[in-house]
Each structure stands twice: as structure tokens, then as C-alpha cells.
Amino acid sequence: MTTRDERTRTLLQAGTFLKELQADTDLPEAVRNEARRLVRHYPSVANIQLLAKVEQRMSGSNLLTPDFDPTWITDA
């Protein structure tokens, strides 16, 4: 079963992965364009942190310290 902190961490890691895909010039342009399209509508770090805060209040666990690069959403 997936825990709340695993779900939060995975959301952040998936966003990072999409940003990496869109920037990887070794990939076909179609793949990079699809990653760019998906990340454009992906929840921001602030949105994910807000969801984590809601879950934290409901569960009492700390979800705000996952290992991720917080700059992924702001990189062009």
C-alpha cells in the first residue's frame, strides 16, 4: 500500500522527471514536446505542498520534507 509521504514524494519526482525529459536533447522532439505539454499542466511544488499539508493535518505525519529538487517547476 502506498503511504501518504510516498505519494507526495512520487508527485514531486514525476514532475522532476518530466522537466528532465523536456530538456534532454538526445530524446526525439515528439517526446520532449509531450513532456513539455504534460509539465505545463502539472501541479506546482506549492500545490503539492498544500496537498501534503492537508494530508498532514488529517494524518499527523510530516510530508513536507521529501528529497526533491524544488527548482524543477521554475526551470525553463
Protein backbone atom coordinates (compact mmCIF):
# COMPACT_ATOMS: atom_id res chain seq x y z
CA MET A 1 0.00 0.00 0.00
CA THR A 2 1.28 3.47 -0.86
CA THR A 3 1.75 5.78 2.08
CA ARG A 4 0.93 9.49 2.03
CA ASP A 5 4.59 10.51 2.08
CA GLU A 6 5.41 8.09 -0.75
CA ARG A 7 2.60 9.60 -2.83
CA THR A 8 3.83 13.16 -2.18
CA ARG A 9 7.43 12.25 -2.97
CA THR A 10 6.35 10.48 -6.17
CA LEU A 11 4.40 13.51 -7.37
CA LEU A 12 7.47 15.68 -6.88
CA GLN A 13 9.79 13.14 -8.51
CA ALA A 14 7.44 12.73 -11.50
CA GLY A 15 7.47 16.48 -12.05
CA THR A 16 11.25 16.47 -11.91
CA PHE A 17 11.34 13.60 -14.39
CA LEU A 18 9.10 15.46 -16.85
CA LYS A 19 11.35 18.53 -16.61
CA GLU A 20 14.39 16.34 -17.32
CA LEU A 21 12.70 14.72 -20.31
CA GLN A 22 11.73 18.03 -21.90
CA ALA A 23 15.31 19.30 -21.57
CA ASP A 24 17.04 16.15 -22.90
CA THR A 25 18.09 16.96 -26.45
CA ASP A 26 19.08 13.32 -27.03
CA LEU A 27 15.38 12.39 -27.00
CA PRO A 28 13.14 12.76 -30.05
CA GLU A 29 11.40 16.12 -30.33
CA ALA A 30 7.97 14.46 -30.05
CA VAL A 31 8.90 13.02 -26.63
CA ARG A 32 10.25 16.38 -25.43
CA ASN A 33 7.13 18.17 -26.67
CA GLU A 34 4.86 15.72 -24.87
CA ALA A 35 6.84 16.12 -21.63
CA ARG A 36 6.60 19.91 -22.04
CA ARG A 37 2.82 19.67 -22.59
CA LEU A 38 2.37 17.50 -19.50
CA VAL A 39 4.57 19.55 -17.19
CA ARG A 40 2.80 22.75 -18.22
CA HIS A 41 -0.36 21.42 -16.54
CA TYR A 42 1.39 19.53 -13.74
CA PRO A 43 0.76 20.75 -10.17
CA SER A 44 3.35 23.20 -8.90
CA VAL A 45 5.53 22.46 -5.89
CA ALA A 46 3.32 24.88 -3.93
CA ASN A 47 0.19 22.94 -4.97
CA ILE A 48 1.77 19.64 -3.96
CA GLN A 49 2.92 21.09 -0.64
CA LEU A 50 -0.60 22.37 0.02
CA LEU A 51 -1.99 18.89 -0.62
CA ALA A 52 0.67 17.47 1.70
CA LYS A 53 -0.32 19.95 4.43
CA VAL A 54 -3.95 18.87 4.13
CA GLU A 55 -2.96 15.22 4.41
CA GLN A 56 -0.58 16.03 7.27
CA ARG A 57 -3.40 17.63 9.24
CA MET A 58 -5.58 14.62 8.58
CA SER A 59 -2.91 12.06 9.48
CA GLY A 60 -0.40 13.82 11.71
CA SER A 61 2.58 12.72 9.58
CA ASN A 62 5.24 15.04 8.15
CA LEU A 63 5.05 15.09 4.35
CA LEU A 64 6.90 18.31 3.62
CA THR A 65 10.49 17.04 3.57
CA PRO A 66 10.74 14.71 0.54
CA ASP A 67 14.05 14.51 -1.29
CA PHE A 68 13.49 16.50 -4.49
CA ASP A 69 14.81 19.47 -6.42
CA PRO A 70 12.36 22.32 -5.63
CA THR A 71 13.52 24.29 -8.65
CA TRP A 72 12.08 21.82 -11.19
CA ILE A 73 8.89 23.81 -11.63
CA THR A 74 10.64 27.13 -12.22
CA ASP A 75 13.24 25.97 -14.75
CA ALA A 76 12.50 26.87 -18.35
